[in-house]
Amino acid sequence: MHVPVLKQGDYLIASVQSVLSDADLLELRDDLAERVGRFRSRGVIIDVTVLDVIDSFATRTLRAVAHMLKLRGAETVIVGIQPDVAFAMVQLGLTLEGVGTALDLEEGLAYLNRVTKKTLQHGK
């Protein structure tokens, strides 16, 4: 299923609407990389609120997407990880190390505002 991506100012918001296959995750990766360049986005929010499972492939792919987008000049924050999903990820040793996370879309926007403001001030 295609993940809708909304442009909001300097940010992109990808809102996962249903369970994603491995191919869907890879399509999301490619779509975000292309859009970050096209729109010169400084930040990306990936909203996974609807997911009740995040497996090892999804975790690795989301982590890789965040690192790839950082190389393209955009910060990434993943929002909406459900409590049960977070618990299962920890139990399975799945981490999003090096990737920003936030409770919800509002917190994700605040996170990006802080991080991108810092980056601009330090010229990184």
N, C-alpha and C. Protein backbone atom coordinates (compact mmCIF):
# COMPACT_ATOMS: atom_id res chain seq x y z
N MET A 1 0.84 -1.19 0.00
CA MET A 1 0.00 0.00 0.00
C MET A 1 0.88 1.24 0.00
N HIS A 2 0.55 2.18 -0.84
CA HIS A 2 1.31 3.42 -0.93
C HIS A 2 1.10 4.26 0.35
N VAL A 3 2.18 4.82 0.87
CA VAL A 3 2.11 5.67 2.06
C VAL A 3 1.99 7.12 1.61
N PRO A 4 0.90 7.81 2.00
CA PRO A 4 0.77 9.22 1.62
C PRO A 4 1.82 10.07 2.32
N VAL A 5 2.39 11.01 1.57
CA VAL A 5 3.40 11.92 2.11
C VAL A 5 2.90 13.34 1.90
N LEU A 6 2.76 14.07 3.00
CA LEU A 6 2.28 15.45 2.97
C LEU A 6 3.45 16.39 3.17
N LYS A 7 3.49 17.46 2.38
CA LYS A 7 4.52 18.49 2.58
C LYS A 7 3.93 19.56 3.49
N GLN A 8 4.63 19.84 4.58
CA GLN A 8 4.20 20.85 5.54
C GLN A 8 5.37 21.78 5.79
N GLY A 9 5.43 22.90 5.08
CA GLY A 9 6.56 23.81 5.21
C GLY A 9 7.84 23.11 4.77
N ASP A 10 8.85 23.13 5.64
CA ASP A 10 10.13 22.50 5.35
C ASP A 10 10.15 21.01 5.67
N TYR A 11 9.01 20.47 6.09
CA TYR A 11 8.95 19.09 6.53
C TYR A 11 8.07 18.24 5.62
N LEU A 12 8.35 16.94 5.63
CA LEU A 12 7.49 15.95 4.99
C LEU A 12 6.90 15.08 6.10
N ILE A 13 5.64 14.71 5.95
CA ILE A 13 4.99 13.84 6.92
C ILE A 13 4.47 12.62 6.18
N ALA A 14 5.04 11.47 6.50
CA ALA A 14 4.60 10.20 5.92
C ALA A 14 3.73 9.50 6.94
N SER A 15 2.47 9.31 6.60
CA SER A 15 1.53 8.72 7.55
C SER A 15 1.17 7.31 7.10
N VAL A 16 1.72 6.33 7.81
CA VAL A 16 1.44 4.94 7.50
C VAL A 16 -0.02 4.67 7.83
N GLN A 17 -0.77 4.14 6.84
CA GLN A 17 -2.21 3.93 7.00
C GLN A 17 -2.59 2.49 7.34
N SER A 18 -1.69 1.55 7.03
CA SER A 18 -1.98 0.14 7.31
C SER A 18 -0.66 -0.62 7.33
N VAL A 19 -0.74 -1.89 7.63
CA VAL A 19 0.45 -2.73 7.68
C VAL A 19 1.18 -2.65 6.34
N LEU A 20 2.50 -2.52 6.39
CA LEU A 20 3.30 -2.39 5.18
C LEU A 20 4.06 -3.68 4.90
N SER A 21 4.06 -4.08 3.65
CA SER A 21 4.88 -5.21 3.24
C SER A 21 6.33 -4.73 3.13
N ASP A 22 7.25 -5.64 2.97
CA ASP A 22 8.65 -5.26 2.79
C ASP A 22 8.80 -4.38 1.56
N ALA A 23 8.07 -4.71 0.47
CA ALA A 23 8.13 -3.90 -0.75
C ALA A 23 7.59 -2.49 -0.50
N ASP A 24 6.52 -2.37 0.31
CA ASP A 24 5.97 -1.05 0.65
C ASP A 24 7.00 -0.22 1.40
N LEU A 25 7.72 -0.84 2.33
CA LEU A 25 8.75 -0.12 3.09
C LEU A 25 9.85 0.39 2.17
N LEU A 26 10.25 -0.43 1.23
CA LEU A 26 11.30 -0.01 0.29
C LEU A 26 10.80 1.10 -0.63
N GLU A 27 9.53 1.03 -1.01
CA GLU A 27 8.93 2.11 -1.83
C GLU A 27 8.90 3.41 -1.03
N LEU A 28 8.54 3.32 0.25
CA LEU A 28 8.53 4.51 1.12
C LEU A 28 9.94 5.10 1.21
N ARG A 29 10.94 4.25 1.39
CA ARG A 29 12.33 4.71 1.45
C ARG A 29 12.69 5.51 0.21
N ASP A 30 12.43 4.94 -0.95
CA ASP A 30 12.78 5.59 -2.21
C ASP A 30 11.99 6.88 -2.41
N ASP A 31 10.70 6.85 -2.07
CA ASP A 31 9.84 8.02 -2.22
C ASP A 31 10.33 9.17 -1.35
N LEU A 32 10.66 8.88 -0.09
CA LEU A 32 11.13 9.93 0.82
C LEU A 32 12.47 10.50 0.36
N ALA A 33 13.38 9.64 -0.07
CA ALA A 33 14.69 10.13 -0.54
C ALA A 33 14.52 11.07 -1.72
N GLU A 34 13.62 10.73 -2.63
CA GLU A 34 13.39 11.56 -3.81
C GLU A 34 12.74 12.88 -3.42
N ARG A 35 11.73 12.82 -2.55
CA ARG A 35 11.00 14.03 -2.17
C ARG A 35 11.85 14.99 -1.33
N VAL A 36 12.71 14.44 -0.47
CA VAL A 36 13.59 15.31 0.33
C VAL A 36 14.43 16.17 -0.61
N GLY A 37 14.95 15.56 -1.66
CA GLY A 37 15.73 16.32 -2.64
C GLY A 37 14.88 17.30 -3.43
N ARG A 38 13.74 16.85 -3.90
CA ARG A 38 12.88 17.69 -4.74
C ARG A 38 12.38 18.91 -3.98
N PHE A 39 11.95 18.71 -2.73
CA PHE A 39 11.36 19.80 -1.95
C PHE A 39 12.37 20.49 -1.02
N ARG A 40 13.61 19.99 -1.02
CA ARG A 40 14.65 20.53 -0.13
C ARG A 40 14.18 20.53 1.32
N SER A 41 13.57 19.43 1.71
CA SER A 41 13.00 19.30 3.05
C SER A 41 14.11 19.20 4.09
N ARG A 42 13.88 19.82 5.23
CA ARG A 42 14.84 19.77 6.33
C ARG A 42 14.49 18.71 7.36
N GLY A 43 13.28 18.19 7.29
CA GLY A 43 12.86 17.19 8.26
C GLY A 43 11.77 16.29 7.72
N VAL A 44 11.72 15.07 8.27
CA VAL A 44 10.72 14.08 7.87
C VAL A 44 10.14 13.44 9.13
N ILE A 45 8.82 13.35 9.16
CA ILE A 45 8.13 12.63 10.23
C ILE A 45 7.54 11.38 9.61
N ILE A 46 7.81 10.23 10.22
CA ILE A 46 7.18 8.98 9.80
C ILE A 46 6.26 8.55 10.93
N ASP A 47 4.96 8.60 10.67
CA ASP A 47 3.95 8.28 11.68
C ASP A 47 3.54 6.82 11.55
N VAL A 48 3.86 6.03 12.57
CA VAL A 48 3.57 4.59 12.56
C VAL A 48 2.49 4.22 13.59
N THR A 49 1.65 5.18 13.95
CA THR A 49 0.64 4.97 14.99
C THR A 49 -0.23 3.75 14.73
N VAL A 50 -0.59 3.49 13.48
CA VAL A 50 -1.52 2.38 13.19
C VAL A 50 -0.87 1.00 13.26
N LEU A 51 0.45 0.95 13.31
CA LEU A 51 1.12 -0.35 13.30
C LEU A 51 1.07 -1.01 14.67
N ASP A 52 0.62 -2.27 14.69
CA ASP A 52 0.62 -3.01 15.96
C ASP A 52 1.77 -4.01 16.01
N VAL A 53 2.60 -4.02 14.96
CA VAL A 53 3.81 -4.84 14.91
C VAL A 53 4.85 -4.10 14.09
N ILE A 54 6.06 -4.04 14.60
CA ILE A 54 7.19 -3.55 13.81
C ILE A 54 8.26 -4.62 13.90
N ASP A 55 8.43 -5.36 12.80
CA ASP A 55 9.35 -6.49 12.80
C ASP A 55 10.80 -6.04 12.54
N SER A 56 11.69 -7.02 12.50
CA SER A 56 13.12 -6.68 12.36
C SER A 56 13.41 -6.02 11.02
N PHE A 57 12.76 -6.44 9.93
CA PHE A 57 13.00 -5.79 8.64
C PHE A 57 12.51 -4.35 8.67
N ALA A 58 11.32 -4.12 9.22
CA ALA A 58 10.78 -2.76 9.31
C ALA A 58 11.69 -1.89 10.17
N THR A 59 12.17 -2.42 11.28
CA THR A 59 13.05 -1.66 12.16
C THR A 59 14.34 -1.28 11.43
N ARG A 60 14.97 -2.25 10.78
CA ARG A 60 16.20 -1.97 10.04
C ARG A 60 15.96 -0.98 8.91
N THR A 61 14.83 -1.13 8.23
CA THR A 61 14.53 -0.23 7.11
C THR A 61 14.27 1.19 7.60
N LEU A 62 13.50 1.34 8.67
CA LEU A 62 13.24 2.68 9.21
C LEU A 62 14.53 3.34 9.68
N ARG A 63 15.38 2.55 10.33
CA ARG A 63 16.68 3.09 10.78
C ARG A 63 17.51 3.52 9.57
N ALA A 64 17.55 2.69 8.54
CA ALA A 64 18.31 3.01 7.32
C ALA A 64 17.74 4.24 6.62
N VAL A 65 16.41 4.35 6.58
CA VAL A 65 15.77 5.53 5.97
C VAL A 65 16.22 6.79 6.70
N ALA A 66 16.18 6.76 8.01
CA ALA A 66 16.57 7.94 8.79
C ALA A 66 18.03 8.33 8.52
N HIS A 67 18.91 7.35 8.47
CA HIS A 67 20.33 7.65 8.22
C HIS A 67 20.54 8.13 6.79
N MET A 68 19.83 7.55 5.85
CA MET A 68 19.94 7.97 4.45
C MET A 68 19.43 9.40 4.28
N LEU A 69 18.30 9.72 4.90
CA LEU A 69 17.75 11.07 4.78
C LEU A 69 18.67 12.09 5.46
N LYS A 70 19.33 11.69 6.53
CA LYS A 70 20.30 12.58 7.18
C LYS A 70 21.41 12.93 6.19
N LEU A 71 21.86 11.93 5.42
CA LEU A 71 22.88 12.19 4.41
C LEU A 71 22.36 13.10 3.30
N ARG A 72 21.04 13.14 3.12
CA ARG A 72 20.42 14.01 2.12
C ARG A 72 20.08 15.38 2.72
N GLY A 73 20.39 15.56 4.02
CA GLY A 73 20.19 16.87 4.64
C GLY A 73 18.94 17.03 5.46
N ALA A 74 18.23 15.94 5.72
CA ALA A 74 16.97 16.03 6.48
C ALA A 74 17.04 15.19 7.74
N GLU A 75 16.56 15.75 8.82
CA GLU A 75 16.40 15.01 10.07
C GLU A 75 15.13 14.18 9.99
N THR A 76 15.11 13.05 10.69
CA THR A 76 13.93 12.18 10.68
C THR A 76 13.51 11.89 12.11
N VAL A 77 12.21 11.86 12.33
CA VAL A 77 11.67 11.44 13.62
C VAL A 77 10.53 10.45 13.33
N ILE A 78 10.51 9.36 14.07
CA ILE A 78 9.45 8.37 13.95
C ILE A 78 8.51 8.57 15.13
N VAL A 79 7.23 8.72 14.82
CA VAL A 79 6.26 9.02 15.88
C VAL A 79 5.19 7.94 15.94
N GLY A 80 4.60 7.81 17.14
CA GLY A 80 3.42 6.97 17.31
C GLY A 80 3.67 5.50 17.58
N ILE A 81 4.87 5.14 18.03
CA ILE A 81 5.10 3.74 18.35
C ILE A 81 4.24 3.38 19.56
N GLN A 82 3.36 2.40 19.39
CA GLN A 82 2.43 2.00 20.44
C GLN A 82 3.18 1.31 21.59
N PRO A 83 2.67 1.40 22.82
CA PRO A 83 3.35 0.80 23.97
C PRO A 83 3.66 -0.69 23.80
N ASP A 84 2.70 -1.46 23.32
CA ASP A 84 2.93 -2.89 23.14
C ASP A 84 4.00 -3.16 22.09
N VAL A 85 4.02 -2.33 21.06
CA VAL A 85 5.03 -2.47 20.00
C VAL A 85 6.41 -2.15 20.57
N ALA A 86 6.50 -1.07 21.35
CA ALA A 86 7.78 -0.70 21.96
C ALA A 86 8.27 -1.82 22.87
N PHE A 87 7.38 -2.38 23.67
CA PHE A 87 7.74 -3.47 24.57
C PHE A 87 8.27 -4.67 23.79
N ALA A 88 7.55 -5.06 22.73
CA ALA A 88 7.97 -6.20 21.92
C ALA A 88 9.32 -5.93 21.25
N MET A 89 9.52 -4.71 20.76
CA MET A 89 10.79 -4.37 20.12
C MET A 89 11.95 -4.52 21.10
N VAL A 90 11.76 -4.03 22.31
CA VAL A 90 12.81 -4.14 23.33
C VAL A 90 13.08 -5.60 23.66
N GLN A 91 12.02 -6.39 23.83
CA GLN A 91 12.17 -7.81 24.15
C GLN A 91 12.93 -8.56 23.05
N LEU A 92 12.73 -8.13 21.80
CA LEU A 92 13.38 -8.78 20.66
C LEU A 92 14.75 -8.17 20.33
N GLY A 93 15.13 -7.13 21.07
CA GLY A 93 16.41 -6.49 20.82
C GLY A 93 16.42 -5.61 19.58
N LEU A 94 15.26 -5.15 19.14
CA LEU A 94 15.16 -4.28 17.96
C LEU A 94 15.25 -2.83 18.41
N THR A 95 16.20 -2.09 17.85
CA THR A 95 16.36 -0.70 18.25
C THR A 95 16.33 0.24 17.05
N LEU A 96 15.98 1.45 17.34
CA LEU A 96 16.04 2.53 16.36
C LEU A 96 17.18 3.48 16.77
N GLU A 97 18.27 2.88 17.20
CA GLU A 97 19.41 3.65 17.69
C GLU A 97 19.83 4.71 16.67
N GLY A 98 20.01 5.92 17.17
CA GLY A 98 20.43 7.03 16.31
C GLY A 98 19.29 7.69 15.55
N VAL A 99 18.06 7.26 15.82
CA VAL A 99 16.90 7.81 15.14
C VAL A 99 16.00 8.49 16.17
N GLY A 100 15.57 9.70 15.87
CA GLY A 100 14.68 10.40 16.78
C GLY A 100 13.31 9.75 16.81
N THR A 101 12.73 9.70 18.00
CA THR A 101 11.36 9.18 18.15
C THR A 101 10.58 10.17 19.01
N ALA A 102 9.27 10.17 18.83
CA ALA A 102 8.41 11.04 19.62
C ALA A 102 7.06 10.35 19.81
N LEU A 103 6.34 10.83 20.80
CA LEU A 103 5.07 10.23 21.17
C LEU A 103 4.02 10.34 20.05
N ASP A 104 3.90 11.53 19.47
CA ASP A 104 2.87 11.75 18.45
C ASP A 104 3.33 12.82 17.47
N LEU A 105 2.46 13.17 16.55
CA LEU A 105 2.80 14.14 15.50
C LEU A 105 3.19 15.50 16.09
N GLU A 106 2.47 15.96 17.07
CA GLU A 106 2.77 17.25 17.70
C GLU A 106 4.18 17.25 18.31
N GLU A 107 4.50 16.19 19.05
CA GLU A 107 5.84 16.08 19.64
C GLU A 107 6.90 15.92 18.55
N GLY A 108 6.55 15.23 17.47
CA GLY A 108 7.48 15.07 16.35
C GLY A 108 7.82 16.40 15.70
N LEU A 109 6.82 17.24 15.52
CA LEU A 109 7.06 18.57 14.96
C LEU A 109 7.94 19.41 15.88
N ALA A 110 7.66 19.33 17.18
CA ALA A 110 8.48 20.07 18.15
C ALA A 110 9.92 19.57 18.12
N TYR A 111 10.11 18.26 18.01
CA TYR A 111 11.44 17.66 17.93
C TYR A 111 12.18 18.21 16.69
N LEU A 112 11.52 18.16 15.54
CA LEU A 112 12.18 18.65 14.32
C LEU A 112 12.49 20.14 14.41
N ASN A 113 11.58 20.92 15.00
CA ASN A 113 11.84 22.35 15.16
C ASN A 113 13.10 22.58 15.99
N ARG A 114 13.26 21.81 17.08
CA ARG A 114 14.45 21.94 17.92
C ARG A 114 15.71 21.53 17.17
N VAL A 115 15.67 20.36 16.55
CA VAL A 115 16.86 19.79 15.91
C VAL A 115 17.27 20.60 14.69
N THR A 116 16.32 21.00 13.86
CA THR A 116 16.70 21.73 12.64
C THR A 116 17.14 23.15 12.99
N LYS A 117 16.60 23.72 14.05
CA LYS A 117 17.04 25.06 14.48
C LYS A 117 18.48 24.99 14.96
N LYS A 118 18.81 23.95 15.74
CA LYS A 118 20.18 23.75 16.22
C LYS A 118 21.14 23.58 15.06
N THR A 119 20.73 22.75 14.09
CA THR A 119 21.58 22.48 12.93
C THR A 119 21.85 23.77 12.16
N LEU A 120 20.83 24.60 11.98
CA LEU A 120 21.03 25.85 11.26
C LEU A 120 21.95 26.79 12.02
N GLN A 121 21.83 26.83 13.35
CA GLN A 121 22.65 27.72 14.16
C GLN A 121 24.12 27.31 14.13
N HIS A 122 24.37 25.99 14.07
CA HIS A 122 25.74 25.50 14.09
C HIS A 122 26.31 25.29 12.70
N GLY A 123 25.50 25.56 11.68
CA GLY A 123 25.96 25.44 10.30
C GLY A 123 26.34 24.05 9.88
N LYS A 124 25.68 23.03 10.45
CA LYS A 124 26.01 21.65 10.10
C LYS A 124 25.19 21.19 8.93
